[in-house]
């Protein structure tokens, strides 16, 4: 979902939203380029799901704690 920028000279803000248009969190920083898009989208989706469920998601099977997406050797992982 794209929303207008806060300032006239800024790019529009792009959010990951649910089918009903609901979204949570801050807008992602897309300036890193298309290579980081999967990590940005995964992080934004995770934040929206966590806000809706009021719990961390996904959880580490070993520790029971919430995980965050990251780029490891150009592969998305948690």
PDB file of N, CA and C in Angstrom:
ATOM      1  N   UNK A   1       0.847  -1.148   0.000  1.00  0.00           N
ATOM      2  CA  UNK A   1       0.000   0.000   0.000  1.00  0.00           C
ATOM      3  C   UNK A   1       0.907   1.230   0.000  1.00  0.00           C
ATOM      4  N   UNK A   2       0.614   2.172  -0.851  1.00  0.00           N
ATOM      5  CA  UNK A   2       1.389   3.402  -0.917  1.00  0.00           C
ATOM      6  C   UNK A   2       0.571   4.552  -0.347  1.00  0.00           C
ATOM      7  N   UNK A   3       1.212   5.353   0.470  1.00  0.00           N
ATOM      8  CA  UNK A   3       0.591   6.549   1.048  1.00  0.00           C
ATOM      9  C   UNK A   3       1.402   7.768   0.647  1.00  0.00           C
ATOM     10  N   UNK A   4       0.761   8.910   0.541  1.00  0.00           N
ATOM     11  CA  UNK A   4       1.503  10.117   0.172  1.00  0.00           C
ATOM     12  C   UNK A   4       2.580  10.442   1.209  1.00  0.00           C
ATOM     13  N   UNK A   5       3.637  11.112   0.773  1.00  0.00           N
ATOM     14  CA  UNK A   5       4.702  11.487   1.714  1.00  0.00           C
ATOM     15  C   UNK A   5       4.241  12.582   2.665  1.00  0.00           C
ATOM     16  N   UNK A   6       4.951  12.690   3.778  1.00  0.00           N
ATOM     17  CA  UNK A   6       4.676  13.758   4.733  1.00  0.00           C
ATOM     18  C   UNK A   6       5.171  15.101   4.206  1.00  0.00           C
ATOM     19  N   UNK A   7       6.260  15.081   3.481  1.00  0.00           N
ATOM     20  CA  UNK A   7       6.850  16.293   2.912  1.00  0.00           C
ATOM     21  C   UNK A   7       6.737  16.219   1.390  1.00  0.00           C
ATOM     22  N   UNK A   8       6.565  17.356   0.747  1.00  0.00           N
ATOM     23  CA  UNK A   8       6.348  17.405  -0.700  1.00  0.00           C
ATOM     24  C   UNK A   8       7.515  16.832  -1.509  1.00  0.00           C
ATOM     25  N   UNK A   9       8.746  16.981  -1.035  1.00  0.00           N
ATOM     26  CA  UNK A   9       9.908  16.535  -1.803  1.00  0.00           C
ATOM     27  C   UNK A   9      10.355  15.114  -1.453  1.00  0.00           C
ATOM     28  N   UNK A  10       9.583  14.398  -0.663  1.00  0.00           N
ATOM     29  CA  UNK A  10       9.914  13.030  -0.257  1.00  0.00           C
ATOM     30  C   UNK A  10       9.163  12.026  -1.139  1.00  0.00           C
ATOM     31  N   UNK A  11       9.686  10.779  -1.259  1.00  0.00           N
ATOM     32  CA  UNK A  11       8.949   9.760  -2.004  1.00  0.00           C
ATOM     33  C   UNK A  11       7.734   9.291  -1.206  1.00  0.00           C
ATOM     34  N   UNK A  12       6.809   8.626  -1.903  1.00  0.00           N
ATOM     35  CA  UNK A  12       5.647   8.101  -1.188  1.00  0.00           C
ATOM     36  C   UNK A  12       6.083   7.010  -0.220  1.00  0.00           C
ATOM     37  N   UNK A  13       5.287   6.773   0.796  1.00  0.00           N
ATOM     38  CA  UNK A  13       5.582   5.751   1.801  1.00  0.00           C
ATOM     39  C   UNK A  13       4.874   4.462   1.398  1.00  0.00           C
ATOM     40  N   UNK A  14       5.631   3.387   1.322  1.00  0.00           N
ATOM     41  CA  UNK A  14       5.069   2.094   0.918  1.00  0.00           C
ATOM     42  C   UNK A  14       5.065   1.181   2.128  1.00  0.00           C
ATOM     43  N   UNK A  15       3.892   0.630   2.445  1.00  0.00           N
ATOM     44  CA  UNK A  15       3.699  -0.240   3.602  1.00  0.00           C
ATOM     45  C   UNK A  15       3.272  -1.627   3.152  1.00  0.00           C
ATOM     46  N   UNK A  16       3.524  -2.628   3.974  1.00  0.00           N
ATOM     47  CA  UNK A  16       2.963  -3.955   3.767  1.00  0.00           C
ATOM     48  C   UNK A  16       1.656  -3.979   4.543  1.00  0.00           C
ATOM     49  N   UNK A  17       0.547  -4.219   3.843  1.00  0.00           N
ATOM     50  CA  UNK A  17      -0.770  -4.145   4.464  1.00  0.00           C
ATOM     51  C   UNK A  17      -1.520  -5.458   4.314  1.00  0.00           C
ATOM     52  N   UNK A  18      -2.491  -5.650   5.187  1.00  0.00           N
ATOM     53  CA  UNK A  18      -3.393  -6.795   5.083  1.00  0.00           C
ATOM     54  C   UNK A  18      -4.383  -6.541   3.950  1.00  0.00           C
ATOM     55  N   UNK A  19      -5.153  -7.561   3.581  1.00  0.00           N
ATOM     56  CA  UNK A  19      -6.112  -7.426   2.488  1.00  0.00           C
ATOM     57  C   UNK A  19      -7.131  -6.317   2.743  1.00  0.00           C
ATOM     58  N   UNK A  20      -7.442  -6.047   4.004  1.00  0.00           N
ATOM     59  CA  UNK A  20      -8.411  -5.000   4.326  1.00  0.00           C
ATOM     60  C   UNK A  20      -7.769  -3.613   4.378  1.00  0.00           C
ATOM     61  N   UNK A  21      -6.475  -3.513   4.072  1.00  0.00           N
ATOM     62  CA  UNK A  21      -5.774  -2.240   4.063  1.00  0.00           C
ATOM     63  C   UNK A  21      -5.149  -1.862   5.383  1.00  0.00           C
ATOM     64  N   UNK A  22      -5.344  -2.659   6.420  1.00  0.00           N
ATOM     65  CA  UNK A  22      -4.773  -2.358   7.734  1.00  0.00           C
ATOM     66  C   UNK A  22      -3.274  -2.649   7.736  1.00  0.00           C
ATOM     67  N   UNK A  23      -2.514  -1.768   8.367  1.00  0.00           N
ATOM     68  CA  UNK A  23      -1.068  -1.964   8.486  1.00  0.00           C
ATOM     69  C   UNK A  23      -0.620  -1.421   9.833  1.00  0.00           C
ATOM     70  N   UNK A  24       0.552  -1.850  10.261  1.00  0.00           N
ATOM     71  CA  UNK A  24       1.113  -1.426  11.541  1.00  0.00           C
ATOM     72  C   UNK A  24       2.569  -1.057  11.351  1.00  0.00           C
ATOM     73  N   UNK A  25       3.086  -0.283  12.294  1.00  0.00           N
ATOM     74  CA  UNK A  25       4.507   0.022  12.301  1.00  0.00           C
ATOM     75  C   UNK A  25       4.884   1.193  11.427  1.00  0.00           C
ATOM     76  N   UNK A  26       6.177   1.426  11.357  1.00  0.00           N
ATOM     77  CA  UNK A  26       6.719   2.505  10.549  1.00  0.00           C
ATOM     78  C   UNK A  26       6.868   2.049   9.111  1.00  0.00           C
ATOM     79  N   UNK A  27       6.917   3.019   8.223  1.00  0.00           N
ATOM     80  CA  UNK A  27       7.097   2.625   6.831  1.00  0.00           C
ATOM     81  C   UNK A  27       8.518   2.129   6.620  1.00  0.00           C
ATOM     82  N   UNK A  28       8.670   1.101   5.796  1.00  0.00           N
ATOM     83  CA  UNK A  28      10.004   0.537   5.553  1.00  0.00           C
ATOM     84  C   UNK A  28      10.898   1.506   4.795  1.00  0.00           C
ATOM     85  N   UNK A  29      12.194   1.369   4.978  1.00  0.00           N
ATOM     86  CA  UNK A  29      13.181   2.176   4.265  1.00  0.00           C
ATOM     87  C   UNK A  29      13.552   1.438   2.982  1.00  0.00           C
ATOM     88  N   UNK A  30      12.971   1.863   1.869  1.00  0.00           N
ATOM     89  CA  UNK A  30      13.204   1.193   0.587  1.00  0.00           C
ATOM     90  C   UNK A  30      14.475   1.690  -0.093  1.00  0.00           C
ATOM     91  N   UNK A  31      15.174   2.628   0.507  1.00  0.00           N
ATOM     92  CA  UNK A  31      16.358   3.220  -0.120  1.00  0.00           C
ATOM     93  C   UNK A  31      17.489   2.217  -0.312  1.00  0.00           C
ATOM     94  N   UNK A  32      17.469   1.118   0.433  1.00  0.00           N
ATOM     95  CA  UNK A  32      18.546   0.122   0.338  1.00  0.00           C
ATOM     96  C   UNK A  32      18.563  -0.578  -1.018  1.00  0.00           C
ATOM     97  N   UNK A  33      17.486  -0.485  -1.774  1.00  0.00           N
ATOM     98  CA  UNK A  33      17.451  -1.062  -3.108  1.00  0.00           C
ATOM     99  C   UNK A  33      16.673  -2.357  -3.186  1.00  0.00           C
ATOM    100  N   UNK A  34      16.444  -2.815  -4.408  1.00  0.00           N
ATOM    101  CA  UNK A  34      15.612  -4.001  -4.616  1.00  0.00           C
ATOM    102  C   UNK A  34      16.177  -5.287  -4.026  1.00  0.00           C
ATOM    103  N   UNK A  35      17.479  -5.382  -3.849  1.00  0.00           N
ATOM    104  CA  UNK A  35      18.067  -6.608  -3.300  1.00  0.00           C
ATOM    105  C   UNK A  35      17.605  -6.860  -1.873  1.00  0.00           C
ATOM    106  N   UNK A  36      17.299  -5.802  -1.143  1.00  0.00           N
ATOM    107  CA  UNK A  36      16.871  -5.971   0.248  1.00  0.00           C
ATOM    108  C   UNK A  36      15.347  -6.048   0.378  1.00  0.00           C
ATOM    109  N   UNK A  37      14.626  -5.984  -0.723  1.00  0.00           N
ATOM    110  CA  UNK A  37      13.165  -5.981  -0.678  1.00  0.00           C
ATOM    111  C   UNK A  37      12.575  -7.194   0.052  1.00  0.00           C
ATOM    112  N   UNK A  38      13.045  -8.427  -0.177  1.00  0.00           N
ATOM    113  CA  UNK A  38      12.461  -9.555   0.569  1.00  0.00           C
ATOM    114  C   UNK A  38      12.604  -9.411   2.087  1.00  0.00           C
ATOM    115  N   UNK A  39      13.748  -8.918   2.546  1.00  0.00           N
ATOM    116  CA  UNK A  39      13.954  -8.723   3.977  1.00  0.00           C
ATOM    117  C   UNK A  39      13.039  -7.627   4.503  1.00  0.00           C
ATOM    118  N   UNK A  40      12.908  -6.534   3.766  1.00  0.00           N
ATOM    119  CA  UNK A  40      12.040  -5.431   4.169  1.00  0.00           C
ATOM    120  C   UNK A  40      10.589  -5.883   4.236  1.00  0.00           C
ATOM    121  N   UNK A  41      10.126  -6.608   3.219  1.00  0.00           N
ATOM    122  CA  UNK A  41       8.740  -7.085   3.189  1.00  0.00           C
ATOM    123  C   UNK A  41       8.495  -8.089   4.316  1.00  0.00           C
ATOM    124  N   UNK A  42       9.422  -9.011   4.549  1.00  0.00           N
ATOM    125  CA  UNK A  42       9.271  -9.988   5.630  1.00  0.00           C
ATOM    126  C   UNK A  42       9.209  -9.294   6.984  1.00  0.00           C
ATOM    127  N   UNK A  43      10.060  -8.299   7.202  1.00  0.00           N
ATOM    128  CA  UNK A  43      10.074  -7.571   8.466  1.00  0.00           C
ATOM    129  C   UNK A  43       8.763  -6.807   8.673  1.00  0.00           C
ATOM    130  N   UNK A  44       8.278  -6.151   7.626  1.00  0.00           N
ATOM    131  CA  UNK A  44       7.029  -5.393   7.732  1.00  0.00           C
ATOM    132  C   UNK A  44       5.834  -6.326   7.942  1.00  0.00           C
ATOM    133  N   UNK A  45       5.808  -7.456   7.243  1.00  0.00           N
ATOM    134  CA  UNK A  45       4.726  -8.427   7.433  1.00  0.00           C
ATOM    135  C   UNK A  45       4.760  -8.997   8.843  1.00  0.00           C
ATOM    136  N   UNK A  46       5.956  -9.312   9.326  1.00  0.00           N
ATOM    137  CA  UNK A  46       6.110  -9.848  10.683  1.00  0.00           C
ATOM    138  C   UNK A  46       5.607  -8.839  11.705  1.00  0.00           C
ATOM    139  N   UNK A  47       5.924  -7.572  11.525  1.00  0.00           N
ATOM    140  CA  UNK A  47       5.496  -6.543  12.462  1.00  0.00           C
ATOM    141  C   UNK A  47       3.971  -6.408  12.478  1.00  0.00           C
ATOM    142  N   UNK A  48       3.351  -6.466  11.302  1.00  0.00           N
ATOM    143  CA  UNK A  48       1.893  -6.367  11.220  1.00  0.00           C
ATOM    144  C   UNK A  48       1.232  -7.560  11.893  1.00  0.00           C
ATOM    145  N   UNK A  49       1.725  -8.772  11.628  1.00  0.00           N
ATOM    146  CA  UNK A  49       1.158  -9.969  12.257  1.00  0.00           C
ATOM    147  C   UNK A  49       1.336  -9.911  13.772  1.00  0.00           C
ATOM    148  N   UNK A  50       2.510  -9.522  14.228  1.00  0.00           N
ATOM    149  CA  UNK A  50       2.772  -9.448  15.670  1.00  0.00           C
ATOM    150  C   UNK A  50       1.853  -8.429  16.339  1.00  0.00           C
ATOM    151  N   UNK A  51       1.630  -7.288  15.695  1.00  0.00           N
ATOM    152  CA  UNK A  51       0.731  -6.278  16.260  1.00  0.00           C
ATOM    153  C   UNK A  51      -0.704  -6.792  16.329  1.00  0.00           C
ATOM    154  N   UNK A  52      -1.123  -7.534  15.328  1.00  0.00           N
ATOM    155  CA  UNK A  52      -2.490  -8.068  15.307  1.00  0.00           C
ATOM    156  C   UNK A  52      -2.689  -9.157  16.360  1.00  0.00           C
ATOM    157  N   UNK A  53      -1.690 -10.015  16.536  1.00  0.00           N
ATOM    158  CA  UNK A  53      -1.806 -11.143  17.469  1.00  0.00           C
ATOM    159  C   UNK A  53      -1.352 -10.786  18.875  1.00  0.00           C
ATOM    160  N   UNK A  54      -0.670  -9.650  19.036  1.00  0.00           N
ATOM    161  CA  UNK A  54      -0.078  -9.233  20.308  1.00  0.00           C
ATOM    162  C   UNK A  54       0.873 -10.283  20.860  1.00  0.00           C
ATOM    163  N   UNK A  55       1.669 -10.850  19.969  1.00  0.00           N
ATOM    164  CA  UNK A  55       2.707 -11.803  20.374  1.00  0.00           C
ATOM    165  C   UNK A  55       3.777 -11.843  19.293  1.00  0.00           C
ATOM    166  N   UNK A  56       4.951 -12.253  19.687  1.00  0.00           N
ATOM    167  CA  UNK A  56       6.043 -12.367  18.723  1.00  0.00           C
ATOM    168  C   UNK A  56       5.732 -13.466  17.718  1.00  0.00           C
ATOM    169  N   UNK A  57       6.181 -13.259  16.499  1.00  0.00           N
ATOM    170  CA  UNK A  57       6.000 -14.244  15.427  1.00  0.00           C
ATOM    171  C   UNK A  57       7.060 -13.992  14.373  1.00  0.00           C
ATOM    172  N   UNK A  58       7.687 -14.978  13.808  1.00  0.00           N
ATOM    173  CA  UNK A  58       7.714 -16.373  14.227  1.00  0.00           C
ATOM    174  C   UNK A  58       8.584 -16.548  15.473  1.00  0.00           C
ATOM    175  N   UNK A  59       8.393 -17.657  16.143  1.00  0.00           N
ATOM    176  CA  UNK A  59       9.155 -17.950  17.357  1.00  0.00           C
ATOM    177  C   UNK A  59      10.283 -18.928  17.063  1.00  0.00           C
ATOM    178  N   UNK A  60      11.382 -18.750  17.753  1.00  0.00           N
ATOM    179  CA  UNK A  60      12.488 -19.689  17.687  1.00  0.00           C
ATOM    180  C   UNK A  60      12.045 -20.973  18.382  1.00  0.00           C
ATOM    181  N   UNK A  61      12.127 -22.098  17.691  1.00  0.00           N
ATOM    182  CA  UNK A  61      11.694 -23.381  18.253  1.00  0.00           C
ATOM    183  C   UNK A  61      12.511 -23.770  19.481  1.00  0.00           C
ATOM    184  N   UNK A  62      13.764 -23.356  19.524  1.00  0.00           N
ATOM    185  CA  UNK A  62      14.631 -23.723  20.640  1.00  0.00           C
ATOM    186  C   UNK A  62      14.442 -22.820  21.860  1.00  0.00           C
ATOM    187  N   UNK A  63      14.266 -21.522  21.621  1.00  0.00           N
ATOM    188  CA  UNK A  63      14.241 -20.566  22.727  1.00  0.00           C
ATOM    189  C   UNK A  63      12.866 -19.977  23.029  1.00  0.00           C
ATOM    190  N   UNK A  64      11.913 -20.107  22.110  1.00  0.00           N
ATOM    191  CA  UNK A  64      10.582 -19.548  22.315  1.00  0.00           C
ATOM    192  C   UNK A  64      10.528 -18.033  22.215  1.00  0.00           C
ATOM    193  N   UNK A  65      11.552 -17.419  21.660  1.00  0.00           N
ATOM    194  CA  UNK A  65      11.616 -15.965  21.501  1.00  0.00           C
ATOM    195  C   UNK A  65      11.332 -15.582  20.059  1.00  0.00           C
ATOM    196  N   UNK A  66      10.889 -14.349  19.868  1.00  0.00           N
ATOM    197  CA  UNK A  66      10.637 -13.867  18.517  1.00  0.00           C
ATOM    198  C   UNK A  66      11.924 -13.719  17.721  1.00  0.00           C
ATOM    199  N   UNK A  67      11.824 -13.978  16.436  1.00  0.00           N
ATOM    200  CA  UNK A  67      12.980 -13.859  15.546  1.00  0.00           C
ATOM    201  C   UNK A  67      12.759 -12.687  14.600  1.00  0.00           C
ATOM    202  N   UNK A  68      13.836 -12.188  14.016  1.00  0.00           N
ATOM    203  CA  UNK A  68      13.763 -11.083  13.068  1.00  0.00           C
ATOM    204  C   UNK A  68      14.449 -11.494  11.772  1.00  0.00           C
ATOM    205  N   UNK A  69      13.886 -11.083  10.624  1.00  0.00           N
ATOM    206  CA  UNK A  69      14.522 -11.445   9.356  1.00  0.00           C
ATOM    207  C   UNK A  69      15.850 -10.723   9.191  1.00  0.00           C
ATOM    208  N   UNK A  70      16.755 -11.377   8.511  1.00  0.00           N
ATOM    209  CA  UNK A  70      18.056 -10.774   8.222  1.00  0.00           C
ATOM    210  C   UNK A  70      18.610 -11.384   6.952  1.00  0.00           C
ATOM    211  N   UNK A  71      19.529 -10.717   6.358  1.00  0.00           N
ATOM    212  CA  UNK A  71      20.172 -11.156   5.134  1.00  0.00           C
ATOM    213  C   UNK A  71      21.470 -11.857   5.512  1.00  0.00           C
ATOM    214  N   UNK A  72      21.572 -13.139   5.218  1.00  0.00           N
ATOM    215  CA  UNK A  72      22.780 -13.913   5.487  1.00  0.00           C
ATOM    216  C   UNK A  72      23.289 -14.452   4.167  1.00  0.00           C
ATOM    217  N   UNK A  73      24.434 -13.964   3.747  1.00  0.00           N
ATOM    218  CA  UNK A  73      25.021 -14.367   2.455  1.00  0.00           C
ATOM    219  C   UNK A  73      24.013 -14.244   1.325  1.00  0.00           C
ATOM    220  N   UNK A  74      23.301 -13.115   1.310  1.00  0.00           N
ATOM    221  CA  UNK A  74      22.315 -12.772   0.295  1.00  0.00           C
ATOM    222  C   UNK A  74      21.096 -13.689   0.287  1.00  0.00           C
ATOM    223  N   UNK A  75      20.850 -14.369   1.410  1.00  0.00           N
ATOM    224  CA  UNK A  75      19.660 -15.191   1.564  1.00  0.00           C
ATOM    225  C   UNK A  75      18.871 -14.704   2.769  1.00  0.00           C
ATOM    226  N   UNK A  76      17.566 -14.619   2.612  1.00  0.00           N
ATOM    227  CA  UNK A  76      16.720 -14.191   3.725  1.00  0.00           C
ATOM    228  C   UNK A  76      16.597 -15.319   4.720  1.00  0.00           C
ATOM    229  N   UNK A  77      16.820 -15.006   5.997  1.00  0.00           N
ATOM    230  CA  UNK A  77      16.642 -16.014   7.028  1.00  0.00           C
ATOM    231  C   UNK A  77      16.209 -15.381   8.324  1.00  0.00           C
ATOM    232  N   UNK A  78      15.712 -16.205   9.196  1.00  0.00           N
ATOM    233  CA  UNK A  78      15.309 -15.755  10.516  1.00  0.00           C
ATOM    234  C   UNK A  78      16.248 -16.371  11.528  1.00  0.00           C
TER     235      UNK A  78
END
